[in-house]
Amino acid sequence: MALLKPFLKLIRWPNLVFIILTQVLFEFCIYRAIYANNIPDHNTFQFVLLVIASVVIAAAGYIINDYFDINIDLVNKPEKMVLDKKLSRRWALAWHLILSGLGIVCTAIAVNFFRDGIWLWPTSSVFSFYGFIRPGLKRIS
């Protein structure tokens, strides 16, 4: 519980609340007003997943920003620092990766990325590219 307050400060929770508020207002005041007759039934589920995805990716972005700006923050605002004072850098990096991954998974589910084997193409492309550059990597190391 002692780490919750520094974590919320690190991810800048008021900014995340405004992101949620902006997306919800856009969805219900603009999008649904314009496209009222053309919205599919499962749109609410997709919308919630996309809001979650954007919030966790924004939180991950705030974390990685603080991670790389730690030296600048030591000079400019040492009293407001969270990393290295209350939370470790390794912990922050782990949370960045977890939140980024969660955002990617939520987006993939929302846009139905896993249907009909669509996900196989980028996956196979990555592995093909790795197989292509792997001999060069051995020479470098």
N, C-alpha and C. Protein backbone atom coordinates (compact mmCIF):
# COMPACT_ATOMS: atom_id res chain seq x y z
N MET A 1 0.82 -1.20 0.00
CA MET A 1 0.00 0.00 0.00
C MET A 1 0.86 1.25 0.00
N ALA A 2 2.07 1.14 0.56
CA ALA A 2 2.97 2.29 0.62
C ALA A 2 3.46 2.69 -0.77
N LEU A 3 3.45 1.74 -1.71
CA LEU A 3 3.91 2.04 -3.06
C LEU A 3 2.80 2.55 -3.97
N LEU A 4 1.56 2.46 -3.51
CA LEU A 4 0.44 2.88 -4.36
C LEU A 4 0.47 4.38 -4.66
N LYS A 5 0.70 5.18 -3.65
CA LYS A 5 0.71 6.64 -3.86
C LYS A 5 1.84 7.07 -4.81
N PRO A 6 3.08 6.58 -4.63
CA PRO A 6 4.12 6.94 -5.60
C PRO A 6 3.82 6.42 -7.01
N PHE A 7 3.22 5.23 -7.10
CA PHE A 7 2.88 4.68 -8.41
C PHE A 7 1.84 5.55 -9.11
N LEU A 8 0.81 5.97 -8.38
CA LEU A 8 -0.21 6.84 -8.96
C LEU A 8 0.38 8.19 -9.37
N LYS A 9 1.34 8.67 -8.61
CA LYS A 9 2.01 9.91 -8.99
C LYS A 9 2.85 9.70 -10.25
N LEU A 10 3.49 8.54 -10.34
CA LEU A 10 4.34 8.23 -11.49
C LEU A 10 3.53 8.15 -12.78
N ILE A 11 2.34 7.54 -12.71
CA ILE A 11 1.53 7.40 -13.93
C ILE A 11 0.64 8.62 -14.19
N ARG A 12 0.74 9.61 -13.32
CA ARG A 12 0.00 10.87 -13.47
C ARG A 12 -1.50 10.60 -13.62
N TRP A 13 -2.09 10.04 -12.58
CA TRP A 13 -3.48 9.61 -12.64
C TRP A 13 -4.48 10.71 -13.00
N PRO A 14 -4.26 11.98 -12.62
CA PRO A 14 -5.25 12.99 -13.08
C PRO A 14 -5.28 13.12 -14.61
N ASN A 15 -4.11 12.98 -15.25
CA ASN A 15 -4.08 13.04 -16.71
C ASN A 15 -4.84 11.86 -17.31
N LEU A 16 -4.72 10.69 -16.68
CA LEU A 16 -5.41 9.51 -17.18
C LEU A 16 -6.92 9.66 -17.04
N VAL A 17 -7.35 10.31 -15.97
CA VAL A 17 -8.78 10.56 -15.78
C VAL A 17 -9.30 11.48 -16.90
N PHE A 18 -8.51 12.48 -17.26
CA PHE A 18 -8.93 13.37 -18.35
C PHE A 18 -8.94 12.65 -19.70
N ILE A 19 -8.04 11.72 -19.90
CA ILE A 19 -8.07 10.92 -21.13
C ILE A 19 -9.37 10.13 -21.20
N ILE A 20 -9.72 9.47 -20.09
CA ILE A 20 -10.97 8.71 -20.05
C ILE A 20 -12.17 9.62 -20.28
N LEU A 21 -12.20 10.73 -19.59
CA LEU A 21 -13.32 11.67 -19.71
C LEU A 21 -13.47 12.18 -21.14
N THR A 22 -12.36 12.52 -21.76
CA THR A 22 -12.40 13.01 -23.14
C THR A 22 -12.94 11.95 -24.09
N GLN A 23 -12.48 10.72 -23.94
CA GLN A 23 -12.94 9.67 -24.83
C GLN A 23 -14.41 9.32 -24.61
N VAL A 24 -14.84 9.31 -23.37
CA VAL A 24 -16.25 9.01 -23.08
C VAL A 24 -17.15 10.12 -23.62
N LEU A 25 -16.75 11.37 -23.41
CA LEU A 25 -17.55 12.48 -23.93
C LEU A 25 -17.61 12.46 -25.45
N PHE A 26 -16.49 12.16 -26.10
CA PHE A 26 -16.49 12.07 -27.56
C PHE A 26 -17.41 10.95 -28.02
N GLU A 27 -17.32 9.79 -27.37
CA GLU A 27 -18.14 8.64 -27.75
C GLU A 27 -19.64 8.96 -27.67
N PHE A 28 -20.06 9.53 -26.55
CA PHE A 28 -21.49 9.70 -26.33
C PHE A 28 -22.05 11.01 -26.86
N CYS A 29 -21.23 12.04 -26.96
CA CYS A 29 -21.75 13.34 -27.42
C CYS A 29 -21.56 13.58 -28.91
N ILE A 30 -20.55 12.97 -29.49
CA ILE A 30 -20.27 13.24 -30.91
C ILE A 30 -20.48 11.98 -31.75
N TYR A 31 -19.72 10.93 -31.44
CA TYR A 31 -19.77 9.72 -32.26
C TYR A 31 -21.16 9.11 -32.33
N ARG A 32 -21.78 8.89 -31.19
CA ARG A 32 -23.12 8.27 -31.19
C ARG A 32 -24.19 9.20 -31.75
N ALA A 33 -23.99 10.49 -31.62
CA ALA A 33 -24.96 11.44 -32.20
C ALA A 33 -24.90 11.42 -33.72
N ILE A 34 -23.71 11.28 -34.27
CA ILE A 34 -23.56 11.30 -35.73
C ILE A 34 -23.90 9.94 -36.34
N TYR A 35 -23.41 8.86 -35.72
CA TYR A 35 -23.56 7.53 -36.30
C TYR A 35 -24.56 6.66 -35.54
N ALA A 36 -25.62 7.23 -35.05
CA ALA A 36 -26.58 6.53 -34.20
C ALA A 36 -27.14 5.26 -34.85
N ASN A 37 -27.42 5.31 -36.12
CA ASN A 37 -28.05 4.17 -36.80
C ASN A 37 -27.05 3.14 -37.31
N ASN A 38 -25.76 3.46 -37.29
CA ASN A 38 -24.76 2.59 -37.89
C ASN A 38 -23.80 1.96 -36.89
N ILE A 39 -24.12 2.00 -35.61
CA ILE A 39 -23.22 1.48 -34.59
C ILE A 39 -23.56 0.01 -34.33
N PRO A 40 -22.58 -0.90 -34.47
CA PRO A 40 -22.86 -2.31 -34.19
C PRO A 40 -23.12 -2.56 -32.71
N ASP A 41 -23.72 -3.71 -32.41
CA ASP A 41 -24.09 -4.03 -31.03
C ASP A 41 -22.88 -4.19 -30.12
N HIS A 42 -21.80 -4.73 -30.63
CA HIS A 42 -20.62 -4.98 -29.80
C HIS A 42 -19.70 -3.76 -29.70
N ASN A 43 -20.14 -2.61 -30.13
CA ASN A 43 -19.31 -1.41 -30.12
C ASN A 43 -18.92 -0.97 -28.71
N THR A 44 -19.78 -1.14 -27.73
CA THR A 44 -19.48 -0.71 -26.36
C THR A 44 -18.30 -1.49 -25.81
N PHE A 45 -18.26 -2.79 -26.04
CA PHE A 45 -17.14 -3.61 -25.59
C PHE A 45 -15.84 -3.15 -26.24
N GLN A 46 -15.88 -2.90 -27.55
CA GLN A 46 -14.69 -2.41 -28.25
C GLN A 46 -14.26 -1.05 -27.71
N PHE A 47 -15.23 -0.20 -27.46
CA PHE A 47 -14.92 1.12 -26.94
C PHE A 47 -14.23 1.02 -25.58
N VAL A 48 -14.75 0.21 -24.69
CA VAL A 48 -14.14 0.05 -23.36
C VAL A 48 -12.72 -0.49 -23.49
N LEU A 49 -12.52 -1.47 -24.36
CA LEU A 49 -11.17 -2.01 -24.56
C LEU A 49 -10.22 -0.96 -25.10
N LEU A 50 -10.68 -0.13 -26.03
CA LEU A 50 -9.82 0.91 -26.59
C LEU A 50 -9.51 2.00 -25.57
N VAL A 51 -10.46 2.32 -24.72
CA VAL A 51 -10.19 3.29 -23.64
C VAL A 51 -9.16 2.72 -22.68
N ILE A 52 -9.33 1.47 -22.29
CA ILE A 52 -8.35 0.83 -21.40
C ILE A 52 -6.98 0.82 -22.07
N ALA A 53 -6.94 0.46 -23.34
CA ALA A 53 -5.67 0.42 -24.07
C ALA A 53 -4.99 1.78 -24.10
N SER A 54 -5.74 2.82 -24.40
CA SER A 54 -5.12 4.15 -24.48
C SER A 54 -4.66 4.63 -23.11
N VAL A 55 -5.40 4.30 -22.06
CA VAL A 55 -5.02 4.73 -20.71
C VAL A 55 -3.76 4.00 -20.24
N VAL A 56 -3.70 2.68 -20.45
CA VAL A 56 -2.52 1.96 -19.98
C VAL A 56 -1.29 2.29 -20.82
N ILE A 57 -1.47 2.57 -22.11
CA ILE A 57 -0.33 2.98 -22.93
C ILE A 57 0.14 4.37 -22.53
N ALA A 58 -0.78 5.27 -22.22
CA ALA A 58 -0.39 6.59 -21.73
C ALA A 58 0.35 6.48 -20.40
N ALA A 59 -0.14 5.62 -19.50
CA ALA A 59 0.53 5.42 -18.21
C ALA A 59 1.93 4.86 -18.43
N ALA A 60 2.06 3.91 -19.35
CA ALA A 60 3.38 3.36 -19.66
C ALA A 60 4.29 4.44 -20.24
N GLY A 61 3.73 5.33 -21.04
CA GLY A 61 4.51 6.43 -21.59
C GLY A 61 5.00 7.39 -20.52
N TYR A 62 4.16 7.68 -19.54
CA TYR A 62 4.58 8.53 -18.43
C TYR A 62 5.70 7.87 -17.63
N ILE A 63 5.60 6.56 -17.45
CA ILE A 63 6.63 5.85 -16.70
C ILE A 63 7.96 5.90 -17.44
N ILE A 64 7.96 5.60 -18.71
CA ILE A 64 9.22 5.58 -19.46
C ILE A 64 9.80 6.98 -19.61
N ASN A 65 8.94 7.98 -19.66
CA ASN A 65 9.40 9.36 -19.71
C ASN A 65 10.17 9.71 -18.42
N ASP A 66 9.60 9.35 -17.28
CA ASP A 66 10.29 9.61 -16.03
C ASP A 66 11.57 8.78 -15.92
N TYR A 67 11.55 7.59 -16.47
CA TYR A 67 12.72 6.72 -16.44
C TYR A 67 13.90 7.37 -17.16
N PHE A 68 13.65 7.91 -18.35
CA PHE A 68 14.73 8.49 -19.13
C PHE A 68 15.06 9.93 -18.73
N ASP A 69 14.15 10.61 -18.06
CA ASP A 69 14.41 11.99 -17.63
C ASP A 69 14.90 12.10 -16.19
N ILE A 70 15.37 11.01 -15.63
CA ILE A 70 15.72 11.01 -14.22
C ILE A 70 16.86 11.99 -13.92
N ASN A 71 17.84 12.09 -14.79
CA ASN A 71 18.96 13.02 -14.55
C ASN A 71 18.52 14.48 -14.66
N ILE A 72 17.64 14.76 -15.59
CA ILE A 72 17.12 16.12 -15.75
C ILE A 72 16.25 16.49 -14.55
N ASP A 73 15.44 15.54 -14.10
CA ASP A 73 14.57 15.81 -12.95
C ASP A 73 15.36 16.00 -11.66
N LEU A 74 16.52 15.37 -11.55
CA LEU A 74 17.38 15.58 -10.37
C LEU A 74 17.80 17.04 -10.25
N VAL A 75 17.99 17.70 -11.39
CA VAL A 75 18.41 19.10 -11.39
C VAL A 75 17.20 20.03 -11.29
N ASN A 76 16.17 19.79 -12.11
CA ASN A 76 15.06 20.72 -12.22
C ASN A 76 14.03 20.63 -11.11
N LYS A 77 13.68 19.43 -10.69
CA LYS A 77 12.65 19.28 -9.66
C LYS A 77 12.96 18.07 -8.77
N PRO A 78 14.00 18.16 -7.97
CA PRO A 78 14.39 17.01 -7.12
C PRO A 78 13.35 16.67 -6.06
N GLU A 79 12.56 17.64 -5.62
CA GLU A 79 11.57 17.38 -4.57
C GLU A 79 10.36 16.60 -5.10
N LYS A 80 10.17 16.58 -6.42
CA LYS A 80 9.01 15.91 -7.01
C LYS A 80 9.35 14.53 -7.58
N MET A 81 10.58 14.11 -7.44
CA MET A 81 11.02 12.84 -8.02
C MET A 81 10.38 11.65 -7.31
N VAL A 82 10.00 10.68 -8.11
CA VAL A 82 9.44 9.44 -7.57
C VAL A 82 10.43 8.29 -7.78
N LEU A 83 10.98 8.21 -9.00
CA LEU A 83 11.94 7.15 -9.30
C LEU A 83 13.24 7.37 -8.54
N ASP A 84 13.81 6.29 -8.11
CA ASP A 84 15.05 6.24 -7.33
C ASP A 84 14.89 6.77 -5.92
N LYS A 85 13.77 7.39 -5.60
CA LYS A 85 13.54 7.82 -4.22
C LYS A 85 12.50 6.93 -3.55
N LYS A 86 11.41 6.68 -4.25
CA LYS A 86 10.33 5.87 -3.69
C LYS A 86 10.12 4.57 -4.46
N LEU A 87 10.44 4.60 -5.74
CA LEU A 87 10.30 3.42 -6.60
C LEU A 87 11.61 3.18 -7.33
N SER A 88 11.95 1.93 -7.51
CA SER A 88 13.20 1.63 -8.21
C SER A 88 13.01 1.76 -9.72
N ARG A 89 14.11 2.01 -10.41
CA ARG A 89 14.07 2.14 -11.86
C ARG A 89 13.70 0.81 -12.51
N ARG A 90 14.19 -0.28 -11.95
CA ARG A 90 13.89 -1.60 -12.50
C ARG A 90 12.39 -1.90 -12.39
N TRP A 91 11.80 -1.52 -11.26
CA TRP A 91 10.37 -1.70 -11.03
C TRP A 91 9.58 -0.89 -12.06
N ALA A 92 10.03 0.35 -12.29
CA ALA A 92 9.34 1.21 -13.25
C ALA A 92 9.43 0.64 -14.66
N LEU A 93 10.59 0.13 -15.02
CA LEU A 93 10.75 -0.44 -16.35
C LEU A 93 9.87 -1.68 -16.53
N ALA A 94 9.77 -2.49 -15.49
CA ALA A 94 8.90 -3.67 -15.55
C ALA A 94 7.44 -3.25 -15.74
N TRP A 95 7.00 -2.24 -15.00
CA TRP A 95 5.62 -1.77 -15.14
C TRP A 95 5.38 -1.15 -16.51
N HIS A 96 6.38 -0.48 -17.05
CA HIS A 96 6.24 0.06 -18.41
C HIS A 96 5.97 -1.05 -19.41
N LEU A 97 6.75 -2.12 -19.31
CA LEU A 97 6.57 -3.24 -20.25
C LEU A 97 5.23 -3.93 -20.04
N ILE A 98 4.81 -4.12 -18.80
CA ILE A 98 3.53 -4.76 -18.51
C ILE A 98 2.37 -3.93 -19.06
N LEU A 99 2.39 -2.62 -18.78
CA LEU A 99 1.29 -1.77 -19.24
C LEU A 99 1.28 -1.63 -20.76
N SER A 100 2.45 -1.54 -21.38
CA SER A 100 2.50 -1.47 -22.84
C SER A 100 1.95 -2.75 -23.46
N GLY A 101 2.36 -3.88 -22.93
CA GLY A 101 1.85 -5.16 -23.42
C GLY A 101 0.35 -5.28 -23.25
N LEU A 102 -0.16 -4.86 -22.09
CA LEU A 102 -1.59 -4.89 -21.85
C LEU A 102 -2.34 -4.01 -22.84
N GLY A 103 -1.79 -2.84 -23.14
CA GLY A 103 -2.41 -1.95 -24.11
C GLY A 103 -2.45 -2.56 -25.50
N ILE A 104 -1.39 -3.23 -25.89
CA ILE A 104 -1.35 -3.87 -27.20
C ILE A 104 -2.36 -5.01 -27.27
N VAL A 105 -2.45 -5.80 -26.21
CA VAL A 105 -3.40 -6.92 -26.18
C VAL A 105 -4.85 -6.40 -26.22
N CYS A 106 -5.14 -5.36 -25.45
CA CYS A 106 -6.50 -4.79 -25.46
C CYS A 106 -6.86 -4.26 -26.85
N THR A 107 -5.91 -3.62 -27.50
CA THR A 107 -6.16 -3.11 -28.84
C THR A 107 -6.39 -4.25 -29.82
N ALA A 108 -5.57 -5.29 -29.72
CA ALA A 108 -5.71 -6.43 -30.63
C ALA A 108 -7.07 -7.10 -30.45
N ILE A 109 -7.53 -7.23 -29.22
CA ILE A 109 -8.85 -7.82 -28.99
C ILE A 109 -9.96 -6.90 -29.50
N ALA A 110 -9.80 -5.61 -29.28
CA ALA A 110 -10.84 -4.66 -29.69
C ALA A 110 -11.02 -4.61 -31.20
N VAL A 111 -9.94 -4.71 -31.94
CA VAL A 111 -10.04 -4.64 -33.40
C VAL A 111 -10.16 -6.02 -34.02
N ASN A 112 -10.35 -7.04 -33.16
CA ASN A 112 -10.56 -8.41 -33.62
C ASN A 112 -9.37 -8.91 -34.43
N PHE A 113 -8.19 -8.65 -33.94
CA PHE A 113 -6.95 -8.97 -34.63
C PHE A 113 -6.71 -10.47 -34.75
N PHE A 114 -7.28 -11.26 -33.86
CA PHE A 114 -6.99 -12.69 -33.83
C PHE A 114 -7.94 -13.52 -34.69
N ARG A 115 -8.87 -12.88 -35.37
CA ARG A 115 -9.82 -13.64 -36.19
C ARG A 115 -9.14 -14.07 -37.50
N ASP A 116 -9.53 -15.19 -37.99
CA ASP A 116 -9.13 -15.68 -39.31
C ASP A 116 -7.61 -15.76 -39.52
N GLY A 117 -6.85 -15.84 -38.47
CA GLY A 117 -5.40 -15.98 -38.62
C GLY A 117 -4.69 -14.73 -39.08
N ILE A 118 -5.31 -13.56 -38.96
CA ILE A 118 -4.67 -12.31 -39.39
C ILE A 118 -3.36 -12.10 -38.63
N TRP A 119 -3.33 -12.50 -37.36
CA TRP A 119 -2.14 -12.30 -36.52
C TRP A 119 -0.95 -13.11 -37.01
N LEU A 120 -1.17 -14.13 -37.85
CA LEU A 120 -0.06 -14.95 -38.31
C LEU A 120 0.88 -14.20 -39.23
N TRP A 121 0.34 -13.27 -40.02
CA TRP A 121 1.18 -12.57 -40.99
C TRP A 121 2.27 -11.73 -40.30
N PRO A 122 1.92 -10.81 -39.36
CA PRO A 122 3.00 -10.04 -38.75
C PRO A 122 3.94 -10.92 -37.92
N THR A 123 3.39 -11.95 -37.29
CA THR A 123 4.23 -12.83 -36.49
C THR A 123 5.23 -13.56 -37.37
N SER A 124 4.75 -14.11 -38.47
CA SER A 124 5.65 -14.83 -39.37
C SER A 124 6.65 -13.87 -40.01
N SER A 125 6.23 -12.64 -40.26
CA SER A 125 7.15 -11.65 -40.83
C SER A 125 8.28 -11.33 -39.87
N VAL A 126 7.95 -11.19 -38.60
CA VAL A 126 8.98 -10.89 -37.59
C VAL A 126 9.98 -12.04 -37.52
N PHE A 127 9.47 -13.27 -37.48
CA PHE A 127 10.37 -14.42 -37.39
C PHE A 127 11.19 -14.58 -38.67
N SER A 128 10.61 -14.28 -39.82
CA SER A 128 11.35 -14.33 -41.08
C SER A 128 12.45 -13.29 -41.09
N PHE A 129 12.13 -12.08 -40.63
CA PHE A 129 13.14 -11.03 -40.58
C PHE A 129 14.26 -11.40 -39.62
N TYR A 130 13.91 -11.97 -38.48
CA TYR A 130 14.92 -12.40 -37.53
C TYR A 130 15.82 -13.47 -38.15
N GLY A 131 15.23 -14.42 -38.87
CA GLY A 131 16.02 -15.45 -39.53
C GLY A 131 16.94 -14.86 -40.59
N PHE A 132 16.50 -13.79 -41.22
CA PHE A 132 17.31 -13.13 -42.25
C PHE A 132 18.50 -12.40 -41.65
N ILE A 133 18.30 -11.71 -40.51
CA ILE A 133 19.39 -10.91 -39.94
C ILE A 133 20.22 -11.68 -38.90
N ARG A 134 19.77 -12.87 -38.52
CA ARG A 134 20.46 -13.61 -37.46
C ARG A 134 21.92 -13.89 -37.78
N PRO A 135 22.28 -14.31 -39.00
CA PRO A 135 23.72 -14.53 -39.26
C PRO A 135 24.55 -13.27 -39.07
N GLY A 136 24.01 -12.12 -39.41
CA GLY A 136 24.73 -10.86 -39.20
C GLY A 136 24.89 -10.52 -37.73
N LEU A 137 23.91 -10.89 -36.93
CA LEU A 137 24.01 -10.63 -35.50
C LEU A 137 25.12 -11.46 -34.86
N LYS A 138 25.32 -12.68 -35.34
CA LYS A 138 26.38 -13.51 -34.78
C LYS A 138 27.76 -12.90 -35.06
N ARG A 139 27.93 -12.29 -36.23
CA ARG A 139 29.21 -11.68 -36.58
C ARG A 139 29.48 -10.45 -35.73
N ILE A 140 28.43 -9.71 -35.37
CA ILE A 140 28.60 -8.48 -34.59
C ILE A 140 29.03 -8.79 -33.17
N SER A 141 28.47 -9.83 -32.57
CA SER A 141 28.78 -10.11 -31.16
C SER A 141 30.02 -10.91 -30.96
